[in-house]
Amino acid sequence: MQRFFITFSYDGTCYHGWQIQPNGNSVQAELQKALSVLLREDVQVVGAGRTDAGVHARMMVAHMDTAKIFDTANLVYKLNRMLPRDISVSSVTPVGDDMHARFSATSRTYHYYIHLSKDPFRRAYSCELHYALDFDAMNRAAAILLEYEDFAAFCKSNTDVKTTLCNVMEARWVQDTSNSWHFVITANRFLRNMVRAVVGTLIDVGRGRISIDDFRGIVEGRKRTGAGESMPGNALFLEEVKF
């Protein structure tokens, strides 16, 4: 058996997230179906993460194990012919058996996009907000995330996770145009709904609803009820996975 890493991207608009779901289509299901047809065997893939419904990925990595011999460039070509137009494979690469798409990843980076005035060309992939934001305060609050390891405050309630510990390596707001910004956050792992809850709470700081000290208290309080709302998934992108 040989293990392969599959690197791909997708527009998550029409999917119930990455992971196979009993009640809706998923990116994982589409990828497995195409690989199974092309390799003529039941192929199972393991992804580097689990994006939620409507969330996109500019870079996602999954692995598969197969004994079949094939030309990787030709498989990429055939996959892109067979997969829906909102999923694109960039490479299929042989790796060692010790490499794992999920557990060998050292970091994952997400971007969350917002714009502050009506824009019909951004609405599908950015969150439209209609109030002034103090991005300096939001960046000072975001820097606090690097001081902590437990992010239970931003974890979706009733989620079955063994630990709420994460190593956040980067968290900052970046200005793209006069009316658009994106939030960058990098960590070794993320909790379910974590990025969208962090962004919602930072926006509360930017609106003056809570202070920077309040934000610190929310992190330390470890209660999801203390944090801000979960922002819409359409503006969230998994940007990069490093191994």
Protein backbone atom coordinates (compact mmCIF):
# COMPACT_ATOMS: atom_id res chain seq x y z
CA MET A 1 0.00 0.00 0.00
CA GLN A 2 1.16 3.50 -0.81
CA ARG A 3 -0.07 6.66 0.90
CA PHE A 4 -0.79 9.77 -1.16
CA PHE A 5 -1.44 13.36 -0.15
CA ILE A 6 -4.14 15.07 -2.22
CA THR A 7 -4.01 18.87 -2.25
CA PHE A 8 -7.16 20.64 -3.38
CA SER A 9 -9.42 23.66 -2.94
CA TYR A 10 -13.16 24.15 -2.85
CA ASP A 11 -16.01 26.61 -2.68
CA GLY A 12 -18.06 25.34 0.27
CA THR A 13 -21.29 27.17 -0.61
CA CYS A 14 -23.18 24.07 -1.71
CA TYR A 15 -21.80 21.66 0.89
CA HIS A 16 -22.61 20.69 4.47
CA GLY A 17 -18.91 21.02 5.26
CA TRP A 18 -15.91 18.80 4.57
CA GLN A 19 -16.97 15.73 6.51
CA ILE A 20 -19.48 13.17 5.22
CA GLN A 21 -22.94 13.94 6.63
CA PRO A 22 -26.09 11.79 6.72
CA ASN A 23 -28.31 14.73 5.79
CA GLY A 24 -26.44 16.51 3.02
CA ASN A 25 -23.62 16.47 0.51
CA SER A 26 -20.02 17.01 1.58
CA VAL A 27 -16.67 17.68 -0.06
CA GLN A 28 -15.28 14.45 1.38
CA ALA A 29 -18.10 12.44 -0.21
CA GLU A 30 -17.50 14.00 -3.63
CA LEU A 31 -13.74 13.37 -3.48
CA GLN A 32 -14.13 9.78 -2.33
CA LYS A 33 -16.72 9.07 -5.00
CA ALA A 34 -14.48 10.38 -7.80
CA LEU A 35 -11.39 8.54 -6.54
CA SER A 36 -13.32 5.29 -6.14
CA VAL A 37 -14.56 5.46 -9.73
CA LEU A 38 -11.16 6.31 -11.20
CA LEU A 39 -9.17 3.78 -9.17
CA ARG A 40 -11.93 1.15 -9.32
CA GLU A 41 -11.83 0.42 -5.61
CA ASP A 42 -13.42 1.76 -2.43
CA VAL A 43 -11.25 4.76 -1.54
CA GLN A 44 -11.42 6.44 1.87
CA VAL A 45 -9.79 9.82 2.44
CA VAL A 46 -8.78 11.56 5.68
CA GLY A 47 -8.73 15.35 5.69
CA ALA A 48 -6.46 17.80 7.48
CA GLY A 49 -9.47 19.51 9.06
CA ARG A 50 -13.24 19.67 9.23
CA THR A 51 -14.62 22.87 7.74
CA ASP A 52 -18.24 23.68 8.62
CA ALA A 53 -21.17 24.10 6.25
CA GLY A 54 -20.58 26.90 3.74
CA VAL A 55 -16.91 27.37 4.67
CA HIS A 56 -14.34 27.41 1.85
CA ALA A 57 -10.77 26.14 1.45
CA ARG A 58 -8.09 27.66 -0.74
CA MET A 59 -5.89 24.78 0.40
CA MET A 60 -7.03 21.51 1.92
CA VAL A 61 -5.02 18.31 2.18
CA ALA A 62 -6.33 14.76 2.48
CA HIS A 63 -4.60 11.39 2.33
CA MET A 64 -5.57 8.05 0.83
CA ASP A 65 -3.99 4.58 0.81
CA THR A 66 -4.01 2.42 -2.30
CA ALA A 67 -2.06 -0.41 -3.91
CA LYS A 68 -3.03 0.76 -7.40
CA ILE A 69 -0.27 2.03 -9.68
CA PHE A 70 -1.09 5.19 -11.62
CA ASP A 71 0.37 8.36 -13.06
CA THR A 72 -0.28 11.12 -10.52
CA ALA A 73 -0.51 13.94 -13.09
CA ASN A 74 -3.04 11.94 -15.09
CA LEU A 75 -5.09 11.25 -11.95
CA VAL A 76 -5.17 14.98 -11.16
CA TYR A 77 -6.39 15.67 -14.70
CA LYS A 78 -9.11 13.02 -14.51
CA LEU A 79 -10.21 14.11 -11.03
CA ASN A 80 -10.70 17.68 -12.20
CA ARG A 81 -12.74 16.43 -15.15
CA MET A 82 -14.97 14.34 -12.88
CA LEU A 83 -15.32 16.50 -9.76
CA PRO A 84 -17.91 19.31 -9.55
CA ARG A 85 -16.77 22.73 -10.71
CA ASP A 86 -16.51 23.96 -7.10
CA ILE A 87 -13.77 21.44 -6.18
CA SER A 88 -10.30 21.60 -7.78
CA VAL A 89 -7.37 19.22 -7.20
CA SER A 90 -3.89 20.68 -7.62
CA SER A 91 -1.67 17.68 -6.81
CA VAL A 92 -1.52 14.03 -5.79
CA THR A 93 1.80 13.21 -4.14
CA PRO A 94 3.22 9.94 -2.70
CA VAL A 95 4.28 10.28 0.95
CA GLY A 96 5.64 8.01 3.65
CA ASP A 97 3.35 5.78 5.72
CA ASP A 98 4.14 7.91 8.77
CA MET A 99 2.55 10.99 7.18
CA HIS A 100 -1.06 11.72 8.16
CA ALA A 101 -3.16 14.53 6.70
CA ARG A 102 -4.62 15.40 10.09
CA PHE A 103 -2.04 14.43 12.69
CA SER A 104 1.11 15.39 10.77
CA ALA A 105 -0.12 18.95 10.14
CA THR A 106 1.82 21.45 12.25
CA SER A 107 -0.37 24.48 11.57
CA ARG A 108 -3.53 25.63 9.86
CA THR A 109 -4.31 29.20 8.80
CA TYR A 110 -7.80 30.65 8.37
CA HIS A 111 -8.88 34.01 6.95
CA TYR A 112 -12.20 35.68 7.71
CA TYR A 113 -13.26 38.46 5.32
CA ILE A 114 -15.46 41.48 6.08
CA HIS A 115 -16.47 44.59 4.14
CA LEU A 116 -18.00 47.77 5.49
CA SER A 117 -20.14 49.00 2.62
CA LYS A 118 -22.61 47.35 0.27
CA ASP A 119 -20.78 45.47 -2.47
CA PRO A 120 -22.60 42.95 -4.70
CA PHE A 121 -19.29 41.39 -5.76
CA ARG A 122 -18.11 40.61 -2.24
CA ARG A 123 -21.32 39.39 -0.65
CA ALA A 124 -20.80 35.69 -1.46
CA TYR A 125 -17.37 35.44 0.19
CA SER A 126 -17.25 38.27 2.70
CA CYS A 127 -19.42 39.39 5.60
CA GLU A 128 -21.08 42.77 5.06
CA LEU A 129 -21.15 44.98 8.18
CA HIS A 130 -22.79 48.38 8.54
CA TYR A 131 -21.08 49.96 11.53
CA ALA A 132 -17.72 51.56 12.29
CA LEU A 133 -15.06 49.33 13.83
CA ASP A 134 -11.97 50.18 15.87
CA PHE A 135 -9.44 47.86 14.24
CA ASP A 136 -6.62 49.04 16.50
CA ALA A 137 -8.57 47.82 19.53
CA MET A 138 -9.49 44.62 17.68
CA ASN A 139 -5.82 43.93 16.96
CA ARG A 140 -4.84 44.55 20.57
CA ALA A 141 -7.54 42.12 21.66
CA ALA A 142 -6.50 39.58 19.04
CA ALA A 143 -2.92 39.63 20.38
CA ILE A 144 -4.29 38.39 23.72
CA LEU A 145 -5.10 35.05 22.07
CA LEU A 146 -1.38 34.30 21.79
CA GLU A 147 -1.09 34.40 25.59
CA TYR A 148 -3.54 31.53 26.22
CA GLU A 149 -3.93 27.86 25.37
CA ASP A 150 -7.49 27.04 26.46
CA PHE A 151 -10.16 28.31 24.07
CA ALA A 152 -13.27 26.68 25.50
CA ALA A 153 -14.94 30.11 25.33
CA PHE A 154 -14.97 29.85 21.54
CA CYS A 155 -15.91 26.18 21.19
CA LYS A 156 -19.38 25.24 20.01
CA SER A 157 -21.51 23.97 22.89
CA ASN A 158 -22.12 20.24 23.29
CA THR A 159 -19.16 19.37 21.08
CA ASP A 160 -17.45 16.09 21.86
CA VAL A 161 -13.80 17.14 22.06
CA LYS A 162 -11.13 15.66 24.30
CA THR A 163 -9.34 18.96 24.83
CA THR A 164 -9.97 22.65 24.21
CA LEU A 165 -6.24 23.45 24.17
CA CYS A 166 -4.81 25.10 21.03
CA ASN A 167 -1.53 26.83 20.27
CA VAL A 168 -2.43 30.08 18.50
CA MET A 169 0.65 31.41 16.68
CA GLU A 170 -0.85 34.38 14.82
CA ALA A 171 -4.00 36.48 15.17
CA ARG A 172 -4.38 39.87 13.48
CA TRP A 173 -6.58 42.03 11.28
CA VAL A 174 -5.25 43.07 7.85
CA GLN A 175 -6.67 45.91 5.76
CA ASP A 176 -7.28 45.05 2.10
CA THR A 177 -8.99 48.21 0.82
CA SER A 178 -10.49 51.30 2.43
CA ASN A 179 -13.67 49.30 3.16
CA SER A 180 -12.50 45.71 3.48
CA TRP A 181 -10.41 43.75 5.97
CA HIS A 182 -9.63 40.14 6.80
CA PHE A 183 -8.73 38.38 10.01
CA VAL A 184 -5.75 36.01 9.95
CA ILE A 185 -5.42 33.28 12.56
CA THR A 186 -2.92 30.43 12.64
CA ALA A 187 -2.86 27.59 15.16
CA ASN A 188 -1.81 23.98 15.45
CA ARG A 189 -5.48 23.00 15.70
CA PHE A 190 -8.92 24.63 15.92
CA LEU A 191 -12.08 23.83 17.83
CA ARG A 192 -15.42 23.53 16.10
CA ASN A 193 -16.78 27.00 15.29
CA MET A 194 -13.75 28.60 16.98
CA VAL A 195 -12.69 31.09 14.30
CA ARG A 196 -16.21 32.39 13.69
CA ALA A 197 -16.76 32.85 17.44
CA VAL A 198 -13.41 34.61 17.87
CA VAL A 199 -14.25 36.99 15.02
CA GLY A 200 -17.69 37.71 16.45
CA THR A 201 -16.18 38.55 19.84
CA LEU A 202 -13.46 40.74 18.32
CA ILE A 203 -16.14 42.64 16.40
CA ASP A 204 -17.85 43.30 19.75
CA VAL A 205 -14.55 44.88 20.84
CA GLY A 206 -14.42 46.92 17.63
CA ARG A 207 -17.97 48.20 18.17
CA GLY A 208 -17.21 49.21 21.74
CA ARG A 209 -19.66 46.69 23.19
CA ILE A 210 -16.91 45.10 25.29
CA SER A 211 -13.48 46.31 26.35
CA ILE A 212 -10.13 44.64 25.72
CA ASP A 213 -10.12 43.63 29.40
CA ASP A 214 -13.58 42.13 28.89
CA PHE A 215 -12.19 40.11 25.99
CA ARG A 216 -9.42 38.76 28.19
CA GLY A 217 -12.02 37.87 30.82
CA ILE A 218 -14.06 35.97 28.21
CA VAL A 219 -11.02 33.87 27.27
CA GLU A 220 -10.24 33.18 30.92
CA GLY A 221 -13.90 32.47 31.73
CA ARG A 222 -13.96 29.51 29.30
CA LYS A 223 -17.74 29.83 28.80
CA ARG A 224 -19.19 29.93 25.30
CA THR A 225 -22.09 32.03 26.57
CA GLY A 226 -19.65 34.83 27.40
CA ALA A 227 -18.27 35.17 23.88
CA GLY A 228 -19.81 36.91 20.88
CA GLU A 229 -22.00 35.53 18.12
CA SER A 230 -20.74 33.01 15.58
CA MET A 231 -20.23 34.85 12.30
CA PRO A 232 -21.59 33.51 8.98
CA GLY A 233 -19.55 30.71 7.40
CA ASN A 234 -19.50 32.06 3.84
CA ALA A 235 -16.72 34.55 4.69
CA LEU A 236 -14.37 31.96 6.21
CA PHE A 237 -11.54 30.33 4.25
CA LEU A 238 -9.04 27.67 5.22
CA GLU A 239 -6.02 29.28 3.59
CA GLU A 240 -3.08 27.00 4.28
CA VAL A 241 -2.07 23.76 5.98
CA LYS A 242 1.60 23.18 6.86
CA PHE A 243 3.31 19.88 7.59
